[in-house]
């Protein structure tokens, strides 16, 4: 019976070091891709990259101080999420805000998020309900200092906490995508103190219903919250003098505000 010759320990150590080095390199690549994705997405949802704006990979990489390859992967991922369009020979464009599509997103939120908050009211731990309350405390501070961007990001965090408390990963992914596709309009249209104060009040009603484990009350509070957002969108359609100033939007004589 032949015995396999054992490799010298130095060779084994070298092979192990090589595998570890390869794993670390792959981890660095993944981290860079994630960093690029989060940075570009943040610029899109805060309208630093305006709706309808044309993007160039090299310019985006230079602006965000990233290398080209992670930017390329990030843009491909954002295309799948509906935030950019990529067309051969036409380049990359930040997805314009199409209000017909936005109203469909609101309908989808109405169905999914009202169900989600019911589950959250049944399943949330006291710590999760408290975390929602803490986000609202920070939202109040952002409102006091007129920080619309902070309020928008806290709005996202609040809705993420509700989705997480539902214990449904599928619902979480659906609602995150819907929220990210609609949040740019939040940033453009809810820039008045009165609107922002209304959103904070609506969020408090939702959080209180979740905290007292009231599924029906939480779903009703969420329904009112989403309907208020829909009403704001509709009012925006009726104010062309303000619509014209919103980035990435134009007035269409028949269909209202559509993306460029």
Protein backbone atom coordinates (compact mmCIF):
# COMPACT_ATOMS: atom_id res chain seq x y z
CA UNK A 1 0.00 0.00 0.00
CA UNK A 2 1.45 3.30 -1.07
CA UNK A 3 1.46 6.16 1.35
CA UNK A 4 1.04 9.68 0.06
CA UNK A 5 4.06 11.79 0.63
CA UNK A 6 3.30 14.47 3.17
CA UNK A 7 4.11 18.00 2.08
CA UNK A 8 6.61 19.90 4.16
CA UNK A 9 4.99 22.04 6.80
CA UNK A 10 6.37 25.16 5.15
CA UNK A 11 4.51 24.29 1.93
CA UNK A 12 1.26 23.66 3.84
CA UNK A 13 1.63 26.95 5.63
CA UNK A 14 2.26 28.71 2.34
CA UNK A 15 -0.88 27.21 0.82
CA UNK A 16 -2.94 28.22 3.85
CA UNK A 17 -1.57 31.75 3.71
CA UNK A 18 -2.43 31.91 0.02
CA UNK A 19 -6.01 30.83 0.64
CA UNK A 20 -6.36 33.34 3.46
CA UNK A 21 -4.94 36.06 1.25
CA UNK A 22 -7.40 35.17 -1.50
CA UNK A 23 -10.32 35.27 0.92
CA UNK A 24 -9.22 38.66 2.24
CA UNK A 25 -8.91 40.00 -1.30
CA UNK A 26 -12.42 38.80 -2.16
CA UNK A 27 -13.73 40.40 1.02
CA UNK A 28 -12.08 43.72 0.10
CA UNK A 29 -13.67 43.57 -3.37
CA UNK A 30 -17.09 42.89 -1.83
CA UNK A 31 -16.68 45.75 0.63
CA UNK A 32 -15.70 48.13 -2.17
CA UNK A 33 -18.74 47.07 -4.22
CA UNK A 34 -21.02 47.62 -1.23
CA UNK A 35 -19.39 50.96 -0.48
CA UNK A 36 -19.92 52.13 -4.06
CA UNK A 37 -23.51 50.89 -4.06
CA UNK A 38 -24.40 52.69 -0.82
CA UNK A 39 -22.66 55.91 -1.86
CA UNK A 40 -24.31 56.11 -5.30
CA UNK A 41 -27.70 55.11 -3.92
CA UNK A 42 -27.45 57.83 -1.24
CA UNK A 43 -26.67 60.41 -3.94
CA UNK A 44 -29.71 59.26 -5.94
CA UNK A 45 -32.27 59.19 -3.13
CA UNK A 46 -31.13 62.58 -1.82
CA UNK A 47 -31.23 63.97 -5.39
CA UNK A 48 -27.54 64.86 -5.43
CA UNK A 49 -27.71 62.83 -8.62
CA UNK A 50 -30.91 64.43 -9.88
CA UNK A 51 -33.76 62.51 -11.52
CA UNK A 52 -33.04 62.32 -15.24
CA UNK A 53 -29.34 63.17 -14.81
CA UNK A 54 -26.89 61.40 -17.13
CA UNK A 55 -24.08 59.60 -15.34
CA UNK A 56 -20.66 58.57 -16.52
CA UNK A 57 -18.86 55.77 -14.69
CA UNK A 58 -15.50 57.53 -14.71
CA UNK A 59 -16.97 60.81 -13.46
CA UNK A 60 -18.96 59.06 -10.72
CA UNK A 61 -15.84 57.18 -9.61
CA UNK A 62 -13.82 60.40 -9.50
CA UNK A 63 -16.53 62.34 -7.66
CA UNK A 64 -16.97 59.65 -5.01
CA UNK A 65 -13.24 58.79 -4.92
CA UNK A 66 -13.86 55.17 -5.85
CA UNK A 67 -12.38 52.89 -8.49
CA UNK A 68 -14.22 52.15 -11.71
CA UNK A 69 -14.98 48.45 -11.19
CA UNK A 70 -17.00 48.82 -7.92
CA UNK A 71 -18.89 51.71 -9.52
CA UNK A 72 -19.69 49.54 -12.54
CA UNK A 73 -21.08 46.77 -10.32
CA UNK A 74 -23.01 49.25 -8.16
CA UNK A 75 -24.73 50.81 -11.16
CA UNK A 76 -25.70 47.37 -12.48
CA UNK A 77 -27.25 46.58 -9.08
CA UNK A 78 -29.10 49.91 -8.99
CA UNK A 79 -30.48 49.20 -12.47
CA UNK A 80 -32.08 46.03 -11.14
CA UNK A 81 -33.63 48.08 -8.32
CA UNK A 82 -35.15 50.55 -10.78
CA UNK A 83 -33.08 53.57 -9.74
CA UNK A 84 -30.99 53.92 -12.92
CA UNK A 85 -31.42 52.91 -16.53
CA UNK A 86 -28.51 51.64 -18.64
CA UNK A 87 -28.90 51.61 -22.41
CA UNK A 88 -26.29 50.47 -24.94
CA UNK A 89 -24.69 53.45 -26.69
CA UNK A 90 -26.91 55.84 -24.72
CA UNK A 91 -25.23 55.52 -21.35
CA UNK A 92 -26.51 55.67 -17.80
CA UNK A 93 -29.36 57.82 -16.54
CA UNK A 94 -30.80 58.33 -13.09
CA UNK A 95 -34.37 57.09 -13.37
CA UNK A 96 -36.68 60.10 -13.80
CA UNK A 97 -39.56 60.44 -11.37
CA UNK A 98 -42.58 59.11 -13.22
CA UNK A 99 -45.65 60.02 -11.20
CA UNK A 100 -47.81 57.34 -12.79
CA UNK A 101 -45.27 54.80 -11.57
CA UNK A 102 -45.10 56.54 -8.19
CA UNK A 103 -48.85 56.21 -7.71
CA UNK A 104 -48.56 52.50 -8.49
CA UNK A 105 -45.81 52.25 -5.87
CA UNK A 106 -48.11 53.92 -3.36
CA UNK A 107 -50.82 51.34 -4.14
CA UNK A 108 -48.29 48.55 -3.59
CA UNK A 109 -47.21 50.10 -0.31
CA UNK A 110 -50.81 50.33 0.83
CA UNK A 111 -51.29 46.58 0.44
CA UNK A 112 -47.91 45.41 1.70
CA UNK A 113 -47.08 47.91 4.40
CA UNK A 114 -50.46 47.81 6.12
CA UNK A 115 -50.11 44.03 6.36
CA UNK A 116 -46.50 44.39 7.48
CA UNK A 117 -47.34 46.75 10.34
CA UNK A 118 -50.08 44.36 11.50
CA UNK A 119 -47.43 41.66 11.82
CA UNK A 120 -45.07 44.11 13.54
CA UNK A 121 -47.75 44.98 16.12
CA UNK A 122 -48.16 41.27 16.85
CA UNK A 123 -44.46 40.34 16.86
CA UNK A 124 -42.36 43.38 17.82
CA UNK A 125 -40.40 43.13 21.06
CA UNK A 126 -40.55 46.01 23.56
CA UNK A 127 -36.98 46.84 22.52
CA UNK A 128 -38.00 47.13 18.85
CA UNK A 129 -40.94 49.38 19.71
CA UNK A 130 -38.59 51.50 21.83
CA UNK A 131 -36.11 51.71 18.93
CA UNK A 132 -38.91 53.09 16.73
CA UNK A 133 -39.62 55.69 19.39
CA UNK A 134 -35.94 56.63 19.54
CA UNK A 135 -35.89 57.19 15.77
CA UNK A 136 -38.86 59.53 16.18
CA UNK A 137 -37.01 61.47 18.88
CA UNK A 138 -34.16 62.01 16.43
CA UNK A 139 -36.71 62.95 13.76
CA UNK A 140 -38.09 65.65 16.06
CA UNK A 141 -34.58 67.05 16.46
CA UNK A 142 -34.05 67.01 12.68
CA UNK A 143 -37.36 68.81 12.20
CA UNK A 144 -36.35 71.48 14.72
CA UNK A 145 -33.14 72.20 12.83
CA UNK A 146 -34.89 72.09 9.40
CA UNK A 147 -32.75 69.17 8.20
CA UNK A 148 -34.84 67.64 5.41
CA UNK A 149 -32.19 65.11 4.38
CA UNK A 150 -31.86 63.77 7.92
CA UNK A 151 -35.64 63.50 8.18
CA UNK A 152 -35.83 61.56 4.93
CA UNK A 153 -33.15 59.10 6.08
CA UNK A 154 -34.87 58.71 9.46
CA UNK A 155 -38.16 58.06 7.66
CA UNK A 156 -36.41 55.19 5.86
CA UNK A 157 -34.97 53.89 9.15
CA UNK A 158 -38.39 54.00 10.83
CA UNK A 159 -40.06 52.01 8.06
CA UNK A 160 -37.15 49.54 8.03
CA UNK A 161 -37.66 48.92 11.75
CA UNK A 162 -41.33 48.16 11.18
CA UNK A 163 -40.50 45.78 8.33
CA UNK A 164 -37.85 44.08 10.46
CA UNK A 165 -40.27 43.65 13.36
CA UNK A 166 -42.69 41.82 11.05
CA UNK A 167 -40.20 38.91 10.96
CA UNK A 168 -40.77 38.58 7.22
CA UNK A 169 -37.61 38.88 5.15
CA UNK A 170 -39.64 38.87 1.94
CA UNK A 171 -41.79 41.79 3.07
CA UNK A 172 -38.68 43.64 4.22
CA UNK A 173 -37.08 43.35 0.77
CA UNK A 174 -40.30 44.35 -1.04
CA UNK A 175 -40.88 47.39 1.15
CA UNK A 176 -37.24 48.53 1.06
CA UNK A 177 -37.35 48.54 -2.73
CA UNK A 178 -40.70 50.36 -2.85
CA UNK A 179 -39.52 52.93 -0.33
CA UNK A 180 -36.23 53.57 -2.14
CA UNK A 181 -38.07 54.09 -5.44
CA UNK A 182 -40.47 56.61 -3.85
CA UNK A 183 -38.20 58.37 -1.39
CA UNK A 184 -36.82 60.85 -3.91
CA UNK A 185 -40.28 62.36 -4.28
CA UNK A 186 -40.48 62.56 -0.48
CA UNK A 187 -37.26 64.56 -0.58
CA UNK A 188 -38.54 66.88 -3.32
CA UNK A 189 -42.13 67.40 -2.21
CA UNK A 190 -42.11 67.14 1.60
CA UNK A 191 -39.73 70.01 2.11
CA UNK A 192 -42.20 72.20 3.94
CA UNK A 193 -42.20 72.29 7.74
CA UNK A 194 -45.94 71.64 7.90
CA UNK A 195 -45.68 68.48 5.81
CA UNK A 196 -42.71 67.24 7.82
CA UNK A 197 -44.52 67.82 11.12
CA UNK A 198 -47.51 65.88 9.77
CA UNK A 199 -45.26 62.94 8.84
CA UNK A 200 -43.76 62.90 12.34
CA UNK A 201 -47.22 62.93 13.92
CA UNK A 202 -48.35 60.06 11.66
CA UNK A 203 -45.25 58.05 12.55
CA UNK A 204 -45.92 58.55 16.25
CA UNK A 205 -49.45 57.18 15.83
CA UNK A 206 -48.05 54.10 14.09
CA UNK A 207 -45.36 53.57 16.73
CA UNK A 208 -47.83 53.92 19.59
CA UNK A 209 -50.13 51.31 18.03
CA UNK A 210 -47.21 48.91 17.59
CA UNK A 211 -46.06 49.51 21.18
CA UNK A 212 -49.50 48.70 22.60
CA UNK A 213 -49.79 45.61 20.35
CA UNK A 214 -52.78 46.88 18.41
CA UNK A 215 -52.60 45.32 14.91
CA UNK A 216 -55.85 46.91 13.65
CA UNK A 217 -54.89 50.32 15.02
CA UNK A 218 -51.39 50.07 13.53
CA UNK A 219 -52.77 49.13 10.10
CA UNK A 220 -55.25 52.02 10.21
CA UNK A 221 -52.52 54.48 11.23
CA UNK A 222 -50.33 53.22 8.38
CA UNK A 223 -53.24 53.52 5.93
CA UNK A 224 -53.77 57.17 6.93
CA UNK A 225 -50.02 57.81 6.63
CA UNK A 226 -49.83 56.42 3.09
CA UNK A 227 -53.05 58.18 2.06
CA UNK A 228 -51.58 61.47 3.29
CA UNK A 229 -48.52 60.88 1.10
CA UNK A 230 -50.82 60.15 -1.85
CA UNK A 231 -52.77 63.37 -1.17
CA UNK A 232 -49.53 65.34 -1.13
CA UNK A 233 -48.53 63.84 -4.48
CA UNK A 234 -51.94 64.71 -5.94
CA UNK A 235 -51.70 68.28 -4.62
CA UNK A 236 -48.27 68.54 -6.19
CA UNK A 237 -49.75 67.61 -9.56
CA UNK A 238 -52.13 70.54 -9.25
CA UNK A 239 -49.36 73.07 -8.61
CA UNK A 240 -47.44 73.35 -11.90
CA UNK A 241 -45.64 76.52 -10.80
CA UNK A 242 -43.95 74.49 -8.04
CA UNK A 243 -43.60 71.34 -10.12
CA UNK A 244 -41.47 73.14 -12.68
CA UNK A 245 -38.81 73.77 -10.04
CA UNK A 246 -38.49 70.12 -9.01
CA UNK A 247 -35.42 68.41 -10.50
CA UNK A 248 -36.09 65.74 -13.10
CA UNK A 249 -39.77 66.65 -13.52
CA UNK A 250 -41.66 68.34 -16.34
CA UNK A 251 -45.28 69.26 -16.89
CA UNK A 252 -47.14 67.11 -19.38
CA UNK A 253 -50.43 68.63 -20.66
CA UNK A 254 -52.41 65.38 -20.44
CA UNK A 255 -50.69 63.13 -17.92
CA UNK A 256 -49.47 65.62 -15.32
CA UNK A 257 -45.93 65.45 -14.02
CA UNK A 258 -43.80 62.85 -15.72
CA UNK A 259 -40.13 62.08 -15.76
CA UNK A 260 -38.05 63.49 -18.59
